[in-house]
Amino acid sequence: MTATQREMSALWCEILQTDGPVDSTANFFALGGDSLAMTMLLFRVQEVFGIDLPAAALIEAPELGTFSALVDSARLAADPAVASGTL
């Protein structure tokens, strides 16, 4: 798992109140995520990663690995220093 996937797994466990880590193929909605949980997750993503994502991002990419890749792409678009590892 990437660093983003590990952090996202922890966030999903926190918000969805699941035990143990969530793997990269886990689906947010299959784990019990609903619109309130989605709102909470997007708020936490903004806090932790410093990016704002629309709800459509999670709806279109509900798997942890795919959503984490979207987070990485959004971080890179917002701050190219992320790619260089200077953060």
N, C-alpha and C. Protein backbone atom coordinates (compact mmCIF):
# COMPACT_ATOMS: atom_id res chain seq x y z
N MET A 1 0.84 -1.19 0.00
CA MET A 1 0.00 0.00 0.00
C MET A 1 0.88 1.25 0.00
N THR A 2 0.40 2.27 -0.68
CA THR A 2 1.10 3.54 -0.69
C THR A 2 0.84 4.27 0.63
N ALA A 3 1.60 5.31 0.88
CA ALA A 3 1.39 6.11 2.09
C ALA A 3 -0.02 6.71 2.10
N THR A 4 -0.48 7.16 0.96
CA THR A 4 -1.83 7.73 0.88
C THR A 4 -2.87 6.65 1.16
N GLN A 5 -2.68 5.46 0.62
CA GLN A 5 -3.62 4.37 0.87
C GLN A 5 -3.66 4.00 2.35
N ARG A 6 -2.50 4.00 3.00
CA ARG A 6 -2.47 3.68 4.44
C ARG A 6 -3.21 4.74 5.24
N GLU A 7 -2.99 6.00 4.91
CA GLU A 7 -3.68 7.09 5.61
C GLU A 7 -5.17 7.04 5.33
N MET A 8 -5.53 6.77 4.08
CA MET A 8 -6.94 6.69 3.71
C MET A 8 -7.61 5.51 4.41
N SER A 9 -6.91 4.40 4.51
CA SER A 9 -7.43 3.24 5.22
C SER A 9 -7.75 3.61 6.67
N ALA A 10 -6.86 4.34 7.30
CA ALA A 10 -7.09 4.77 8.69
C ALA A 10 -8.30 5.69 8.77
N LEU A 11 -8.44 6.60 7.82
CA LEU A 11 -9.60 7.50 7.81
C LEU A 11 -10.90 6.73 7.62
N TRP A 12 -10.88 5.78 6.70
CA TRP A 12 -12.09 4.98 6.47
C TRP A 12 -12.46 4.20 7.72
N CYS A 13 -11.47 3.61 8.37
CA CYS A 13 -11.74 2.85 9.61
C CYS A 13 -12.33 3.77 10.68
N GLU A 14 -11.78 4.96 10.79
CA GLU A 14 -12.27 5.93 11.77
C GLU A 14 -13.72 6.32 11.49
N ILE A 15 -14.01 6.68 10.25
CA ILE A 15 -15.33 7.18 9.89
C ILE A 15 -16.37 6.07 9.83
N LEU A 16 -15.98 4.92 9.29
CA LEU A 16 -16.93 3.81 9.14
C LEU A 16 -16.95 2.90 10.36
N GLN A 17 -16.08 3.19 11.32
CA GLN A 17 -15.98 2.42 12.56
C GLN A 17 -15.80 0.93 12.29
N THR A 18 -14.81 0.64 11.45
CA THR A 18 -14.47 -0.75 11.14
C THR A 18 -13.22 -1.15 11.89
N ASP A 19 -13.03 -2.43 12.05
CA ASP A 19 -11.83 -2.95 12.72
C ASP A 19 -10.74 -3.19 11.69
N GLY A 20 -9.53 -2.92 12.09
CA GLY A 20 -8.37 -3.26 11.26
C GLY A 20 -8.27 -2.44 10.00
N PRO A 21 -7.17 -2.60 9.30
CA PRO A 21 -6.97 -1.84 8.07
C PRO A 21 -7.90 -2.30 6.96
N VAL A 22 -8.19 -1.38 6.06
CA VAL A 22 -9.03 -1.64 4.90
C VAL A 22 -8.09 -1.81 3.71
N ASP A 23 -8.28 -2.84 2.89
CA ASP A 23 -7.37 -3.04 1.77
C ASP A 23 -7.74 -2.17 0.58
N SER A 24 -6.88 -2.15 -0.40
CA SER A 24 -7.02 -1.23 -1.52
C SER A 24 -8.22 -1.52 -2.42
N THR A 25 -8.80 -2.71 -2.33
CA THR A 25 -9.96 -3.04 -3.16
C THR A 25 -11.28 -2.80 -2.44
N ALA A 26 -11.23 -2.39 -1.17
CA ALA A 26 -12.45 -2.18 -0.39
C ALA A 26 -13.27 -1.04 -0.99
N ASN A 27 -14.58 -1.20 -0.94
CA ASN A 27 -15.52 -0.22 -1.47
C ASN A 27 -16.14 0.54 -0.30
N PHE A 28 -16.03 1.86 -0.33
CA PHE A 28 -16.52 2.71 0.76
C PHE A 28 -17.99 2.43 1.07
N PHE A 29 -18.81 2.31 0.06
CA PHE A 29 -20.24 2.14 0.27
C PHE A 29 -20.58 0.71 0.70
N ALA A 30 -19.84 -0.26 0.22
CA ALA A 30 -20.06 -1.65 0.64
C ALA A 30 -19.70 -1.83 2.11
N LEU A 31 -18.79 -0.99 2.61
CA LEU A 31 -18.41 -1.06 4.03
C LEU A 31 -19.39 -0.31 4.93
N GLY A 32 -20.43 0.24 4.34
CA GLY A 32 -21.45 0.93 5.14
C GLY A 32 -21.45 2.43 4.98
N GLY A 33 -20.63 2.96 4.09
CA GLY A 33 -20.60 4.39 3.87
C GLY A 33 -21.90 4.91 3.29
N ASP A 34 -22.35 6.04 3.81
CA ASP A 34 -23.55 6.70 3.30
C ASP A 34 -23.22 8.16 3.05
N SER A 35 -24.23 8.98 2.77
CA SER A 35 -23.96 10.37 2.43
C SER A 35 -23.33 11.14 3.60
N LEU A 36 -23.72 10.86 4.81
CA LEU A 36 -23.13 11.53 5.97
C LEU A 36 -21.66 11.12 6.12
N ALA A 37 -21.39 9.83 6.02
CA ALA A 37 -20.01 9.34 6.11
C ALA A 37 -19.16 9.91 4.98
N MET A 38 -19.74 10.03 3.80
CA MET A 38 -19.02 10.59 2.67
C MET A 38 -18.65 12.05 2.96
N THR A 39 -19.57 12.81 3.49
CA THR A 39 -19.31 14.20 3.84
C THR A 39 -18.20 14.29 4.89
N MET A 40 -18.26 13.43 5.88
CA MET A 40 -17.23 13.40 6.92
C MET A 40 -15.87 13.06 6.31
N LEU A 41 -15.83 12.08 5.42
CA LEU A 41 -14.57 11.69 4.79
C LEU A 41 -13.98 12.84 3.97
N LEU A 42 -14.80 13.49 3.18
CA LEU A 42 -14.31 14.58 2.34
C LEU A 42 -13.79 15.73 3.20
N PHE A 43 -14.42 15.97 4.34
CA PHE A 43 -13.94 16.98 5.28
C PHE A 43 -12.58 16.58 5.84
N ARG A 44 -12.43 15.31 6.23
CA ARG A 44 -11.16 14.83 6.78
C ARG A 44 -10.06 14.83 5.71
N VAL A 45 -10.41 14.51 4.47
CA VAL A 45 -9.44 14.56 3.38
C VAL A 45 -8.91 16.00 3.24
N GLN A 46 -9.82 16.96 3.35
CA GLN A 46 -9.39 18.36 3.28
C GLN A 46 -8.46 18.71 4.43
N GLU A 47 -8.78 18.23 5.62
CA GLU A 47 -7.92 18.49 6.79
C GLU A 47 -6.55 17.84 6.66
N VAL A 48 -6.54 16.58 6.30
CA VAL A 48 -5.30 15.79 6.29
C VAL A 48 -4.44 16.09 5.06
N PHE A 49 -5.06 16.17 3.90
CA PHE A 49 -4.30 16.30 2.66
C PHE A 49 -4.31 17.71 2.08
N GLY A 50 -5.17 18.58 2.61
CA GLY A 50 -5.21 19.96 2.15
C GLY A 50 -5.83 20.16 0.78
N ILE A 51 -6.73 19.25 0.39
CA ILE A 51 -7.40 19.39 -0.91
C ILE A 51 -8.90 19.25 -0.73
N ASP A 52 -9.64 19.92 -1.60
CA ASP A 52 -11.10 19.80 -1.62
C ASP A 52 -11.49 18.92 -2.79
N LEU A 53 -12.22 17.87 -2.50
CA LEU A 53 -12.73 17.00 -3.56
C LEU A 53 -14.25 17.03 -3.53
N PRO A 54 -14.88 16.99 -4.69
CA PRO A 54 -16.34 16.93 -4.72
C PRO A 54 -16.83 15.54 -4.33
N ALA A 55 -18.08 15.46 -3.92
CA ALA A 55 -18.67 14.17 -3.57
C ALA A 55 -18.60 13.19 -4.74
N ALA A 56 -18.69 13.72 -5.94
CA ALA A 56 -18.65 12.87 -7.13
C ALA A 56 -17.35 12.06 -7.20
N ALA A 57 -16.27 12.58 -6.63
CA ALA A 57 -14.99 11.86 -6.67
C ALA A 57 -15.12 10.51 -5.98
N LEU A 58 -15.74 10.49 -4.82
CA LEU A 58 -15.90 9.22 -4.08
C LEU A 58 -16.97 8.34 -4.73
N ILE A 59 -18.00 8.95 -5.27
CA ILE A 59 -19.06 8.18 -5.93
C ILE A 59 -18.49 7.47 -7.16
N GLU A 60 -17.64 8.17 -7.91
CA GLU A 60 -17.08 7.60 -9.13
C GLU A 60 -15.90 6.67 -8.86
N ALA A 61 -15.26 6.81 -7.71
CA ALA A 61 -14.10 5.98 -7.36
C ALA A 61 -14.24 5.51 -5.91
N PRO A 62 -15.18 4.60 -5.65
CA PRO A 62 -15.45 4.21 -4.27
C PRO A 62 -14.44 3.22 -3.67
N GLU A 63 -13.53 2.66 -4.49
CA GLU A 63 -12.54 1.74 -3.96
C GLU A 63 -11.38 2.53 -3.35
N LEU A 64 -10.85 2.05 -2.26
CA LEU A 64 -9.80 2.75 -1.54
C LEU A 64 -8.61 3.07 -2.44
N GLY A 65 -8.15 2.12 -3.22
CA GLY A 65 -6.99 2.34 -4.08
C GLY A 65 -7.24 3.40 -5.13
N THR A 66 -8.39 3.35 -5.76
CA THR A 66 -8.74 4.31 -6.81
C THR A 66 -8.95 5.69 -6.23
N PHE A 67 -9.65 5.77 -5.10
CA PHE A 67 -9.88 7.06 -4.46
C PHE A 67 -8.56 7.67 -3.98
N SER A 68 -7.68 6.84 -3.45
CA SER A 68 -6.37 7.32 -3.00
C SER A 68 -5.57 7.88 -4.16
N ALA A 69 -5.69 7.26 -5.33
CA ALA A 69 -5.00 7.77 -6.52
C ALA A 69 -5.56 9.14 -6.91
N LEU A 70 -6.87 9.33 -6.76
CA LEU A 70 -7.46 10.64 -7.04
C LEU A 70 -6.93 11.69 -6.07
N VAL A 71 -6.79 11.30 -4.82
CA VAL A 71 -6.25 12.21 -3.81
C VAL A 71 -4.82 12.60 -4.20
N ASP A 72 -4.02 11.63 -4.57
CA ASP A 72 -2.64 11.93 -4.98
C ASP A 72 -2.61 12.85 -6.20
N SER A 73 -3.47 12.61 -7.16
CA SER A 73 -3.53 13.45 -8.36
C SER A 73 -3.94 14.87 -8.01
N ALA A 74 -4.92 15.02 -7.13
CA ALA A 74 -5.38 16.34 -6.72
C ALA A 74 -4.30 17.07 -5.93
N ARG A 75 -3.57 16.35 -5.10
CA ARG A 75 -2.47 16.97 -4.35
C ARG A 75 -1.38 17.45 -5.30
N LEU A 76 -1.06 16.64 -6.28
CA LEU A 76 -0.04 17.02 -7.26
C LEU A 76 -0.48 18.24 -8.06
N ALA A 77 -1.74 18.28 -8.45
CA ALA A 77 -2.25 19.42 -9.21
C ALA A 77 -2.23 20.69 -8.36
N ALA A 78 -2.51 20.55 -7.07
CA ALA A 78 -2.53 21.71 -6.18
C ALA A 78 -1.14 22.19 -5.81
N ASP A 79 -0.19 21.25 -5.74
CA ASP A 79 1.17 21.61 -5.31
C ASP A 79 2.17 20.66 -5.95
N PRO A 80 2.81 21.06 -7.03
CA PRO A 80 3.77 20.19 -7.70
C PRO A 80 4.94 19.74 -6.81
N ALA A 81 5.19 20.41 -5.70
CA ALA A 81 6.25 20.00 -4.79
C ALA A 81 5.97 18.62 -4.20
N VAL A 82 4.71 18.20 -4.22
CA VAL A 82 4.35 16.87 -3.71
C VAL A 82 5.09 15.81 -4.50
N ALA A 83 5.18 15.96 -5.81
CA ALA A 83 5.84 14.98 -6.66
C ALA A 83 7.35 14.95 -6.41
N SER A 84 7.92 16.10 -6.08
CA SER A 84 9.36 16.14 -5.89
C SER A 84 9.77 15.65 -4.52
N GLY A 85 8.78 15.44 -3.64
CA GLY A 85 9.09 14.94 -2.31
C GLY A 85 9.65 16.00 -1.37
N THR A 86 9.44 17.26 -1.70
CA THR A 86 9.96 18.32 -0.84
C THR A 86 9.01 18.68 0.28
N LEU A 87 7.87 18.04 0.33
CA LEU A 87 6.93 18.30 1.43
C LEU A 87 7.16 17.39 2.58
